[in-house]
Amino acid sequence: MQKTFVRIENLTKRYGEVEALRDISLDIKQGELFGIIGPDGAGKTTLMRILVTLILPDSGEAAINGREVVKDWKYLRKHIGYMPGTFSLYEDLTIEENLHFFATIFGTTKEENYDLIKEIYEHIEPFKDRKAGQLSGGMKQKLALSCALIHRPDFLVLDEPTTGIDAVSRVELWEMLGKLKDEGLTILVSTPYMDEAELCDRVAFLQDGVITEVNAPDTIKKEFDQPLYAMNSKDNYELLMGLRKMDMVRSAFLFGENIHVVTNHSYGEEELQKAVLEEAGIRANIRPIHAGIEDCFMSRMMD
């Protein structure tokens, strides 16, 4: 059985009258790649900033590898790698200067821990004399990840690390996270991309400061027990507006070239097609589908 590496109990954080986190409890196992998903303002960044000892909770407890984040913050900062949601390195320093700076802060060198960052850093090493402010989004994220790992942390925390970068860089970064996880590193990552959430061992749904579910992505998808259909027409926007006015439709959201529709009861494709034509005046292509993690997330948003 995997050891509990991160323990969160009844954690609450307020900003004035806004309760960013409300009495949340959570365990993350050692060596786990754990994801947090939720809408903007759900409390994801607040939770991460508490765990990396940047802000204090109002109540509750959190511990990492047996060390309390409030009492043992000096110790934990030496053993945590943190990559915030916005690029926070020194843009007027070069790639190599940034890496050297962060290594020095933690009392190490690039050479000493190069094996840990090699597969990440080698993508940007040919440009090591380029200033960080002149890098592309993907290169900035690779540099930030290298700096977060250079001191060989026990716990890596990444706040939406792929936001704003190209699709190839997204894939590369998640491949790197998978390799780090295979090497035994415990990783906590938040993401707005549901395809990335499916790459995690477990995910937590966070909404309005409350965790509504924690489970493996496959388990979450299997638990989806509502009738789900993919629909499209010549005018998907008109179809979407029409569907949302129908009593038989519980929810309807755009998913690429299709609209994913949850109905209140199971219907045959012809029966549903006829109802859409009669009530919305639109001829639509309809087929039943299995839920993805994003369908599950949107369903919880509707609850």
C-alpha atoms as a PDB file:
ATOM      1  CA  MET A   1       0.000   0.000   0.000  1.00  0.00           C
ATOM      2  CA  GLN A   2       1.299   3.455  -0.911  1.00  0.00           C
ATOM      3  CA  LYS A   3       2.286   5.733   1.923  1.00  0.00           C
ATOM      4  CA  THR A   4       0.318   8.952   2.421  1.00  0.00           C
ATOM      5  CA  PHE A   5       2.707  11.733   1.428  1.00  0.00           C
ATOM      6  CA  VAL A   6       0.455  14.801   1.634  1.00  0.00           C
ATOM      7  CA  ARG A   7      -2.222  15.007   4.309  1.00  0.00           C
ATOM      8  CA  ILE A   8      -4.792  17.810   4.335  1.00  0.00           C
ATOM      9  CA  GLU A   9      -7.407  17.985   7.077  1.00  0.00           C
ATOM     10  CA  ASN A  10     -10.266  20.482   7.354  1.00  0.00           C
ATOM     11  CA  LEU A  11      -8.340  23.230   5.584  1.00  0.00           C
ATOM     12  CA  THR A  12     -10.060  26.626   5.326  1.00  0.00           C
ATOM     13  CA  LYS A  13      -8.840  29.912   3.845  1.00  0.00           C
ATOM     14  CA  ARG A  14     -10.756  33.197   3.628  1.00  0.00           C
ATOM     15  CA  TYR A  15     -10.052  36.452   1.836  1.00  0.00           C
ATOM     16  CA  GLY A  16     -12.323  38.879   3.609  1.00  0.00           C
ATOM     17  CA  GLU A  17     -15.842  37.560   3.126  1.00  0.00           C
ATOM     18  CA  VAL A  18     -14.763  35.181   0.352  1.00  0.00           C
ATOM     19  CA  GLU A  19     -14.148  31.607   1.485  1.00  0.00           C
ATOM     20  CA  ALA A  20     -11.565  30.355  -1.006  1.00  0.00           C
ATOM     21  CA  LEU A  21     -11.271  26.937   0.662  1.00  0.00           C
ATOM     22  CA  ARG A  22     -13.977  25.448   2.831  1.00  0.00           C
ATOM     23  CA  ASP A  23     -13.042  22.694   5.254  1.00  0.00           C
ATOM     24  CA  ILE A  24     -11.342  20.479   2.672  1.00  0.00           C
ATOM     25  CA  SER A  25      -9.609  17.182   3.420  1.00  0.00           C
ATOM     26  CA  LEU A  26      -7.391  15.251   1.023  1.00  0.00           C
ATOM     27  CA  ASP A  27      -4.610  12.668   0.929  1.00  0.00           C
ATOM     28  CA  ILE A  28      -1.984  12.316  -1.802  1.00  0.00           C
ATOM     29  CA  LYS A  29       0.038   9.101  -1.965  1.00  0.00           C
ATOM     30  CA  GLN A  30       3.802   8.938  -2.297  1.00  0.00           C
ATOM     31  CA  GLY A  31       4.862   8.730  -5.934  1.00  0.00           C
ATOM     32  CA  GLU A  32       1.423   9.760  -7.162  1.00  0.00           C
ATOM     33  CA  LEU A  33       0.693  12.130 -10.035  1.00  0.00           C
ATOM     34  CA  PHE A  34      -2.325  13.893  -8.571  1.00  0.00           C
ATOM     35  CA  GLY A  35      -4.459  16.392 -10.457  1.00  0.00           C
ATOM     36  CA  ILE A  36      -6.775  19.169  -9.323  1.00  0.00           C
ATOM     37  CA  ILE A  37      -9.388  20.420 -11.747  1.00  0.00           C
ATOM     38  CA  GLY A  38     -11.952  23.135 -11.291  1.00  0.00           C
ATOM     39  CA  PRO A  39     -13.163  26.415 -12.779  1.00  0.00           C
ATOM     40  CA  ASP A  40     -11.395  29.758 -12.296  1.00  0.00           C
ATOM     41  CA  GLY A  41     -11.861  30.922  -8.717  1.00  0.00           C
ATOM     42  CA  ALA A  42     -12.430  27.393  -7.394  1.00  0.00           C
ATOM     43  CA  GLY A  43      -9.490  27.645  -4.953  1.00  0.00           C
ATOM     44  CA  LYS A  44      -6.834  25.625  -6.789  1.00  0.00           C
ATOM     45  CA  THR A  45      -4.063  28.226  -6.546  1.00  0.00           C
ATOM     46  CA  THR A  46      -4.909  29.010  -2.916  1.00  0.00           C
ATOM     47  CA  LEU A  47      -4.545  25.344  -1.993  1.00  0.00           C
ATOM     48  CA  MET A  48      -1.218  25.079  -3.772  1.00  0.00           C
ATOM     49  CA  ARG A  49       0.149  28.241  -2.205  1.00  0.00           C
ATOM     50  CA  ILE A  50      -0.704  26.903   1.241  1.00  0.00           C
ATOM     51  CA  LEU A  51       1.070  23.615   0.504  1.00  0.00           C
ATOM     52  CA  VAL A  52       4.225  25.379  -0.708  1.00  0.00           C
ATOM     53  CA  THR A  53       4.210  27.546   2.473  1.00  0.00           C
ATOM     54  CA  LEU A  54       3.539  30.885   0.743  1.00  0.00           C
ATOM     55  CA  ILE A  55       0.303  31.661   2.606  1.00  0.00           C
ATOM     56  CA  LEU A  56      -1.204  30.509   5.881  1.00  0.00           C
ATOM     57  CA  PRO A  57      -4.542  28.717   6.262  1.00  0.00           C
ATOM     58  CA  ASP A  58      -7.134  30.189   8.608  1.00  0.00           C
ATOM     59  CA  SER A  59      -7.878  26.789  10.090  1.00  0.00           C
ATOM     60  CA  GLY A  60      -7.128  23.143   9.532  1.00  0.00           C
ATOM     61  CA  GLU A  61      -3.852  21.318   8.969  1.00  0.00           C
ATOM     62  CA  ALA A  62      -1.631  20.256   6.101  1.00  0.00           C
ATOM     63  CA  ALA A  63       1.490  18.114   6.239  1.00  0.00           C
ATOM     64  CA  ILE A  64       3.969  16.929   3.619  1.00  0.00           C
ATOM     65  CA  ASN A  65       5.907  13.759   4.352  1.00  0.00           C
ATOM     66  CA  GLY A  66       5.073  14.172   8.027  1.00  0.00           C
ATOM     67  CA  ARG A  67       6.143  17.832   8.206  1.00  0.00           C
ATOM     68  CA  GLU A  68       3.516  20.464   8.977  1.00  0.00           C
ATOM     69  CA  VAL A  69       3.404  23.261   6.402  1.00  0.00           C
ATOM     70  CA  VAL A  70       2.974  25.987   9.037  1.00  0.00           C
ATOM     71  CA  LYS A  71       5.440  24.843  11.680  1.00  0.00           C
ATOM     72  CA  ASP A  72       8.074  23.276   9.385  1.00  0.00           C
ATOM     73  CA  TRP A  73       7.978  25.775   6.522  1.00  0.00           C
ATOM     74  CA  LYS A  74      11.750  26.362   6.482  1.00  0.00           C
ATOM     75  CA  TYR A  75      12.449  22.657   6.112  1.00  0.00           C
ATOM     76  CA  LEU A  76       9.739  22.110   3.504  1.00  0.00           C
ATOM     77  CA  ARG A  77      10.867  24.940   1.242  1.00  0.00           C
ATOM     78  CA  LYS A  78      14.112  23.038   0.682  1.00  0.00           C
ATOM     79  CA  HIS A  79      12.216  19.924  -0.355  1.00  0.00           C
ATOM     80  CA  ILE A  80       9.461  21.358  -2.552  1.00  0.00           C
ATOM     81  CA  GLY A  81       9.651  22.352  -6.203  1.00  0.00           C
ATOM     82  CA  TYR A  82       7.036  24.947  -7.168  1.00  0.00           C
ATOM     83  CA  MET A  83       6.040  26.178 -10.590  1.00  0.00           C
ATOM     84  CA  PRO A  84       3.415  28.954 -10.300  1.00  0.00           C
ATOM     85  CA  GLY A  85       0.772  29.678 -12.889  1.00  0.00           C
ATOM     86  CA  THR A  86       2.536  32.781 -14.177  1.00  0.00           C
ATOM     87  CA  PHE A  87       6.155  32.845 -15.316  1.00  0.00           C
ATOM     88  CA  SER A  88       8.107  34.082 -12.296  1.00  0.00           C
ATOM     89  CA  LEU A  89      11.755  33.707 -13.255  1.00  0.00           C
ATOM     90  CA  TYR A  90      14.087  36.626 -13.979  1.00  0.00           C
ATOM     91  CA  GLU A  91      13.417  37.733 -17.543  1.00  0.00           C
ATOM     92  CA  ASP A  92      16.590  39.835 -17.759  1.00  0.00           C
ATOM     93  CA  LEU A  93      18.768  36.807 -16.919  1.00  0.00           C
ATOM     94  CA  THR A  94      19.676  34.139 -19.446  1.00  0.00           C
ATOM     95  CA  ILE A  95      18.485  30.542 -19.274  1.00  0.00           C
ATOM     96  CA  GLU A  96      21.771  29.415 -17.748  1.00  0.00           C
ATOM     97  CA  GLU A  97      21.909  32.336 -15.300  1.00  0.00           C
ATOM     98  CA  ASN A  98      18.405  31.577 -14.029  1.00  0.00           C
ATOM     99  CA  LEU A  99      19.229  27.916 -13.513  1.00  0.00           C
ATOM    100  CA  HIS A 100      22.519  28.757 -11.796  1.00  0.00           C
ATOM    101  CA  PHE A 101      20.746  31.267  -9.531  1.00  0.00           C
ATOM    102  CA  PHE A 102      18.136  28.785  -8.328  1.00  0.00           C
ATOM    103  CA  ALA A 103      20.689  26.026  -7.878  1.00  0.00           C
ATOM    104  CA  THR A 104      22.822  28.351  -5.744  1.00  0.00           C
ATOM    105  CA  ILE A 105      19.849  29.317  -3.563  1.00  0.00           C
ATOM    106  CA  PHE A 106      19.360  25.655  -2.687  1.00  0.00           C
ATOM    107  CA  GLY A 107      23.044  25.004  -2.138  1.00  0.00           C
ATOM    108  CA  THR A 108      23.630  22.864  -5.204  1.00  0.00           C
ATOM    109  CA  THR A 109      24.850  23.166  -8.795  1.00  0.00           C
ATOM    110  CA  LYS A 110      23.483  22.369 -12.234  1.00  0.00           C
ATOM    111  CA  GLU A 111      26.203  19.750 -12.671  1.00  0.00           C
ATOM    112  CA  GLU A 112      25.347  17.963  -9.424  1.00  0.00           C
ATOM    113  CA  ASN A 113      21.700  17.355 -10.370  1.00  0.00           C
ATOM    114  CA  TYR A 114      21.925  17.496 -14.157  1.00  0.00           C
ATOM    115  CA  ASP A 115      20.715  13.895 -14.448  1.00  0.00           C
ATOM    116  CA  LEU A 116      17.350  14.946 -13.015  1.00  0.00           C
ATOM    117  CA  ILE A 117      16.720  17.791 -15.457  1.00  0.00           C
ATOM    118  CA  LYS A 118      18.634  16.467 -18.480  1.00  0.00           C
ATOM    119  CA  GLU A 119      15.626  15.387 -20.575  1.00  0.00           C
ATOM    120  CA  ILE A 120      13.904  18.717 -19.911  1.00  0.00           C
ATOM    121  CA  TYR A 121      16.877  21.051 -20.074  1.00  0.00           C
ATOM    122  CA  GLU A 122      18.383  19.606 -23.240  1.00  0.00           C
ATOM    123  CA  HIS A 123      15.432  21.087 -25.180  1.00  0.00           C
ATOM    124  CA  ILE A 124      16.526  24.615 -24.231  1.00  0.00           C
ATOM    125  CA  GLU A 125      20.265  24.174 -23.589  1.00  0.00           C
ATOM    126  CA  PRO A 126      21.203  25.224 -27.161  1.00  0.00           C
ATOM    127  CA  PHE A 127      19.707  28.633 -26.260  1.00  0.00           C
ATOM    128  CA  LYS A 128      21.278  28.873 -22.788  1.00  0.00           C
ATOM    129  CA  ASP A 129      22.629  32.381 -23.475  1.00  0.00           C
ATOM    130  CA  ARG A 130      19.222  33.741 -24.473  1.00  0.00           C
ATOM    131  CA  LYS A 131      17.412  35.926 -21.931  1.00  0.00           C
ATOM    132  CA  ALA A 132      14.362  34.337 -20.349  1.00  0.00           C
ATOM    133  CA  GLY A 133      12.148  37.222 -21.423  1.00  0.00           C
ATOM    134  CA  GLN A 134      12.865  36.389 -25.067  1.00  0.00           C
ATOM    135  CA  LEU A 135      11.770  32.749 -24.840  1.00  0.00           C
ATOM    136  CA  SER A 136       8.601  31.221 -26.284  1.00  0.00           C
ATOM    137  CA  GLY A 137       5.900  30.033 -23.907  1.00  0.00           C
ATOM    138  CA  GLY A 138       6.964  26.421 -24.151  1.00  0.00           C
ATOM    139  CA  MET A 139      10.632  27.209 -23.559  1.00  0.00           C
ATOM    140  CA  LYS A 140       9.730  29.350 -20.539  1.00  0.00           C
ATOM    141  CA  GLN A 141       7.825  26.423 -19.030  1.00  0.00           C
ATOM    142  CA  LYS A 142      10.724  24.044 -19.603  1.00  0.00           C
ATOM    143  CA  LEU A 143      13.073  26.511 -17.926  1.00  0.00           C
ATOM    144  CA  ALA A 144      10.670  27.002 -15.010  1.00  0.00           C
ATOM    145  CA  LEU A 145      10.365  23.236 -14.569  1.00  0.00           C
ATOM    146  CA  SER A 146      14.153  22.844 -14.676  1.00  0.00           C
ATOM    147  CA  CYS A 147      14.521  25.508 -11.981  1.00  0.00           C
ATOM    148  CA  ALA A 148      11.836  23.832  -9.861  1.00  0.00           C
ATOM    149  CA  LEU A 149      13.678  20.495 -10.052  1.00  0.00           C
ATOM    150  CA  ILE A 150      17.323  21.584  -9.804  1.00  0.00           C
ATOM    151  CA  HIS A 151      17.502  21.005  -6.027  1.00  0.00           C
ATOM    152  CA  ARG A 152      16.018  17.481  -6.352  1.00  0.00           C
ATOM    153  CA  PRO A 153      12.751  18.075  -4.437  1.00  0.00           C
ATOM    154  CA  ASP A 154      10.596  15.380  -2.867  1.00  0.00           C
ATOM    155  CA  PHE A 155       7.354  17.086  -3.897  1.00  0.00           C
ATOM    156  CA  LEU A 156       6.666  18.961  -7.145  1.00  0.00           C
ATOM    157  CA  VAL A 157       3.739  21.409  -7.334  1.00  0.00           C
ATOM    158  CA  LEU A 158       2.680  22.841 -10.703  1.00  0.00           C
ATOM    159  CA  ASP A 159      -0.126  25.370 -11.111  1.00  0.00           C
ATOM    160  CA  GLU A 160      -1.596  25.055 -14.635  1.00  0.00           C
ATOM    161  CA  PRO A 161       1.850  24.491 -16.208  1.00  0.00           C
ATOM    162  CA  THR A 162       0.641  24.212 -19.816  1.00  0.00           C
ATOM    163  CA  THR A 163      -1.664  27.230 -20.006  1.00  0.00           C
ATOM    164  CA  GLY A 164      -0.779  29.394 -22.987  1.00  0.00           C
ATOM    165  CA  ILE A 165       1.756  27.074 -24.611  1.00  0.00           C
ATOM    166  CA  ASP A 166       1.524  25.216 -27.898  1.00  0.00           C
ATOM    167  CA  ALA A 167       0.143  21.685 -28.279  1.00  0.00           C
ATOM    168  CA  VAL A 168       3.552  20.073 -28.896  1.00  0.00           C
ATOM    169  CA  SER A 169       5.025  21.651 -25.754  1.00  0.00           C
ATOM    170  CA  ARG A 170       1.998  20.468 -23.774  1.00  0.00           C
ATOM    171  CA  VAL A 171       2.603  16.888 -24.851  1.00  0.00           C
ATOM    172  CA  GLU A 172       6.338  17.123 -24.140  1.00  0.00           C
ATOM    173  CA  LEU A 173       5.786  18.545 -20.665  1.00  0.00           C
ATOM    174  CA  TRP A 174       3.347  15.804 -19.697  1.00  0.00           C
ATOM    175  CA  GLU A 175       5.724  13.158 -21.006  1.00  0.00           C
ATOM    176  CA  MET A 176       8.355  14.665 -18.710  1.00  0.00           C
ATOM    177  CA  LEU A 177       5.965  14.584 -15.752  1.00  0.00           C
ATOM    178  CA  GLY A 178       5.230  10.930 -16.469  1.00  0.00           C
ATOM    179  CA  LYS A 179       8.931  10.098 -16.379  1.00  0.00           C
ATOM    180  CA  LEU A 180       9.430  12.038 -13.136  1.00  0.00           C
ATOM    181  CA  LYS A 181       6.508  10.174 -11.609  1.00  0.00           C
ATOM    182  CA  ASP A 182       8.006   6.848 -12.728  1.00  0.00           C
ATOM    183  CA  GLU A 183      11.188   7.845 -10.900  1.00  0.00           C
ATOM    184  CA  GLY A 184       9.196   8.139  -7.665  1.00  0.00           C
ATOM    185  CA  LEU A 185       8.561  11.891  -7.454  1.00  0.00           C
ATOM    186  CA  THR A 186       5.242  12.930  -5.909  1.00  0.00           C
ATOM    187  CA  ILE A 187       3.554  15.506  -8.148  1.00  0.00           C
ATOM    188  CA  LEU A 188       0.541  17.763  -7.657  1.00  0.00           C
ATOM    189  CA  VAL A 189      -0.692  19.571 -10.761  1.00  0.00           C
ATOM    190  CA  SER A 190      -3.709  21.709 -11.577  1.00  0.00           C
ATOM    191  CA  THR A 191      -4.947  21.938 -15.135  1.00  0.00           C
ATOM    192  CA  PRO A 192      -7.836  23.445 -17.101  1.00  0.00           C
ATOM    193  CA  TYR A 193      -7.410  20.770 -19.795  1.00  0.00           C
ATOM    194  CA  MET A 194      -9.460  17.633 -19.285  1.00  0.00           C
ATOM    195  CA  ASP A 195      -7.273  15.519 -21.575  1.00  0.00           C
ATOM    196  CA  GLU A 196      -4.400  16.272 -19.187  1.00  0.00           C
ATOM    197  CA  ALA A 197      -6.511  15.337 -16.162  1.00  0.00           C
ATOM    198  CA  GLU A 198      -6.898  11.857 -17.661  1.00  0.00           C
ATOM    199  CA  LEU A 199      -3.111  11.398 -17.419  1.00  0.00           C
ATOM    200  CA  CYS A 200      -3.191  11.682 -13.615  1.00  0.00           C
ATOM    201  CA  ASP A 201      -3.386   8.722 -11.231  1.00  0.00           C
ATOM    202  CA  ARG A 202      -6.229  10.444  -9.392  1.00  0.00           C
ATOM    203  CA  VAL A 203      -7.993  13.778  -9.717  1.00  0.00           C
ATOM    204  CA  ALA A 204      -9.944  15.977  -7.328  1.00  0.00           C
ATOM    205  CA  PHE A 205     -12.857  18.128  -8.454  1.00  0.00           C
ATOM    206  CA  LEU A 206     -12.651  21.502  -6.700  1.00  0.00           C
ATOM    207  CA  GLN A 207     -15.596  23.889  -6.941  1.00  0.00           C
ATOM    208  CA  ASP A 208     -16.343  26.977  -4.819  1.00  0.00           C
ATOM    209  CA  GLY A 209     -13.628  25.972  -2.378  1.00  0.00           C
ATOM    210  CA  VAL A 210     -15.052  22.485  -1.824  1.00  0.00           C
ATOM    211  CA  ILE A 211     -13.752  19.124  -3.062  1.00  0.00           C
ATOM    212  CA  THR A 212     -16.715  17.292  -4.553  1.00  0.00           C
ATOM    213  CA  GLU A 213     -14.961  14.061  -5.552  1.00  0.00           C
ATOM    214  CA  VAL A 214     -11.560  12.368  -5.557  1.00  0.00           C
ATOM    215  CA  ASN A 215     -10.990   9.329  -7.732  1.00  0.00           C
ATOM    216  CA  ALA A 216      -9.091   7.778 -10.632  1.00  0.00           C
ATOM    217  CA  PRO A 217     -10.159   9.222 -14.019  1.00  0.00           C
ATOM    218  CA  ASP A 218     -11.366   5.833 -15.296  1.00  0.00           C
ATOM    219  CA  THR A 219     -13.463   5.307 -12.168  1.00  0.00           C
ATOM    220  CA  ILE A 220     -15.026   8.755 -12.491  1.00  0.00           C
ATOM    221  CA  LYS A 221     -15.969   8.052 -16.109  1.00  0.00           C
ATOM    222  CA  LYS A 222     -17.455   4.650 -15.258  1.00  0.00           C
ATOM    223  CA  GLU A 223     -19.622   6.257 -12.561  1.00  0.00           C
ATOM    224  CA  PHE A 224     -21.268   8.567 -15.105  1.00  0.00           C
ATOM    225  CA  ASP A 225     -24.750   7.036 -15.354  1.00  0.00           C
ATOM    226  CA  GLN A 226     -26.707   9.651 -17.317  1.00  0.00           C
ATOM    227  CA  PRO A 227     -27.857   9.341 -20.951  1.00  0.00           C
ATOM    228  CA  LEU A 228     -25.257  11.151 -23.077  1.00  0.00           C
ATOM    229  CA  TYR A 229     -25.411  11.985 -26.790  1.00  0.00           C
ATOM    230  CA  ALA A 230     -23.236  13.789 -29.327  1.00  0.00           C
ATOM    231  CA  MET A 231     -25.176  16.050 -31.678  1.00  0.00           C
ATOM    232  CA  ASN A 232     -24.348  18.346 -34.564  1.00  0.00           C
ATOM    233  CA  SER A 233     -26.144  20.228 -37.299  1.00  0.00           C
ATOM    234  CA  LYS A 234     -25.468  22.816 -40.008  1.00  0.00           C
ATOM    235  CA  ASP A 235     -25.660  25.515 -37.302  1.00  0.00           C
ATOM    236  CA  ASN A 236     -24.400  24.182 -33.985  1.00  0.00           C
ATOM    237  CA  TYR A 237     -24.964  27.463 -32.164  1.00  0.00           C
ATOM    238  CA  GLU A 238     -28.638  27.501 -33.166  1.00  0.00           C
ATOM    239  CA  LEU A 239     -28.882  23.844 -32.142  1.00  0.00           C
ATOM    240  CA  LEU A 240     -27.248  24.559 -28.778  1.00  0.00           C
ATOM    241  CA  MET A 241     -29.678  27.384 -28.007  1.00  0.00           C
ATOM    242  CA  GLY A 242     -32.604  25.209 -29.044  1.00  0.00           C
ATOM    243  CA  LEU A 243     -31.487  22.261 -26.918  1.00  0.00           C
ATOM    244  CA  ARG A 244     -31.110  24.397 -23.811  1.00  0.00           C
ATOM    245  CA  LYS A 245     -34.789  25.377 -24.073  1.00  0.00           C
ATOM    246  CA  MET A 246     -36.016  21.778 -24.177  1.00  0.00           C
ATOM    247  CA  ASP A 247     -37.467  20.223 -21.013  1.00  0.00           C
ATOM    248  CA  MET A 248     -36.035  16.813 -21.870  1.00  0.00           C
ATOM    249  CA  VAL A 249     -32.448  18.204 -21.941  1.00  0.00           C
ATOM    250  CA  ARG A 250     -30.585  18.391 -18.650  1.00  0.00           C
ATOM    251  CA  SER A 251     -27.454  20.030 -20.066  1.00  0.00           C
ATOM    252  CA  ALA A 252     -25.875  20.849 -23.421  1.00  0.00           C
ATOM    253  CA  PHE A 253     -22.305  22.047 -24.040  1.00  0.00           C
ATOM    254  CA  LEU A 254     -20.095  22.488 -27.092  1.00  0.00           C
ATOM    255  CA  PHE A 255     -17.298  19.946 -27.425  1.00  0.00           C
ATOM    256  CA  GLY A 256     -15.314  20.731 -30.547  1.00  0.00           C
ATOM    257  CA  GLU A 257     -17.476  20.034 -33.599  1.00  0.00           C
ATOM    258  CA  ASN A 258     -20.228  18.410 -31.538  1.00  0.00           C
ATOM    259  CA  ILE A 259     -22.614  19.269 -28.742  1.00  0.00           C
ATOM    260  CA  HIS A 260     -22.662  16.842 -25.819  1.00  0.00           C
ATOM    261  CA  VAL A 261     -26.180  16.530 -24.494  1.00  0.00           C
ATOM    262  CA  VAL A 262     -27.362  14.946 -21.254  1.00  0.00           C
ATOM    263  CA  THR A 263     -31.072  14.098 -21.256  1.00  0.00           C
ATOM    264  CA  ASN A 264     -33.419  13.413 -18.352  1.00  0.00           C
ATOM    265  CA  HIS A 265     -34.236   9.923 -19.671  1.00  0.00           C
ATOM    266  CA  SER A 266     -32.761   7.494 -22.181  1.00  0.00           C
ATOM    267  CA  TYR A 267     -34.122   7.951 -25.669  1.00  0.00           C
ATOM    268  CA  GLY A 268     -33.624   6.154 -28.946  1.00  0.00           C
ATOM    269  CA  GLU A 269     -31.744   8.130 -31.579  1.00  0.00           C
ATOM    270  CA  GLU A 270     -34.791   8.459 -33.832  1.00  0.00           C
ATOM    271  CA  GLU A 271     -37.016   9.471 -30.917  1.00  0.00           C
ATOM    272  CA  LEU A 272     -34.562  12.144 -29.799  1.00  0.00           C
ATOM    273  CA  GLN A 273     -34.018  13.366 -33.352  1.00  0.00           C
ATOM    274  CA  LYS A 274     -37.776  13.745 -33.822  1.00  0.00           C
ATOM    275  CA  ALA A 275     -38.127  15.675 -30.553  1.00  0.00           C
ATOM    276  CA  VAL A 276     -35.339  18.090 -31.499  1.00  0.00           C
ATOM    277  CA  LEU A 277     -36.919  18.648 -34.898  1.00  0.00           C
ATOM    278  CA  GLU A 278     -40.390  19.256 -33.431  1.00  0.00           C
ATOM    279  CA  GLU A 279     -39.369  21.405 -30.443  1.00  0.00           C
ATOM    280  CA  ALA A 280     -36.313  23.261 -31.766  1.00  0.00           C
ATOM    281  CA  GLY A 281     -37.086  23.104 -35.456  1.00  0.00           C
ATOM    282  CA  ILE A 282     -33.635  21.727 -36.258  1.00  0.00           C
ATOM    283  CA  ARG A 283     -32.568  18.536 -38.003  1.00  0.00           C
ATOM    284  CA  ALA A 284     -29.595  17.120 -36.066  1.00  0.00           C
ATOM    285  CA  ASN A 285     -27.251  14.149 -36.305  1.00  0.00           C
ATOM    286  CA  ILE A 286     -27.402  12.215 -33.045  1.00  0.00           C
ATOM    287  CA  ARG A 287     -25.458   9.311 -31.575  1.00  0.00           C
ATOM    288  CA  PRO A 288     -25.033   7.939 -28.026  1.00  0.00           C
ATOM    289  CA  ILE A 289     -21.515   8.238 -26.594  1.00  0.00           C
ATOM    290  CA  HIS A 290     -19.500   7.291 -23.491  1.00  0.00           C
ATOM    291  CA  ALA A 291     -18.574  10.059 -21.068  1.00  0.00           C
ATOM    292  CA  GLY A 292     -15.115  11.564 -20.949  1.00  0.00           C
ATOM    293  CA  ILE A 293     -13.644  13.269 -17.902  1.00  0.00           C
ATOM    294  CA  GLU A 294     -14.842  16.648 -19.193  1.00  0.00           C
ATOM    295  CA  ASP A 295     -18.417  15.395 -19.381  1.00  0.00           C
ATOM    296  CA  CYS A 296     -18.130  14.285 -15.751  1.00  0.00           C
ATOM    297  CA  PHE A 297     -16.693  17.663 -14.760  1.00  0.00           C
ATOM    298  CA  MET A 298     -19.467  19.593 -16.524  1.00  0.00           C
ATOM    299  CA  SER A 299     -22.077  17.370 -14.893  1.00  0.00           C
ATOM    300  CA  ARG A 300     -20.721  18.195 -11.447  1.00  0.00           C
ATOM    301  CA  MET A 301     -20.777  21.885 -12.317  1.00  0.00           C
ATOM    302  CA  MET A 302     -24.524  21.504 -12.948  1.00  0.00           C
ATOM    303  CA  ASP A 303     -25.220  19.786  -9.615  1.00  0.00           C
END
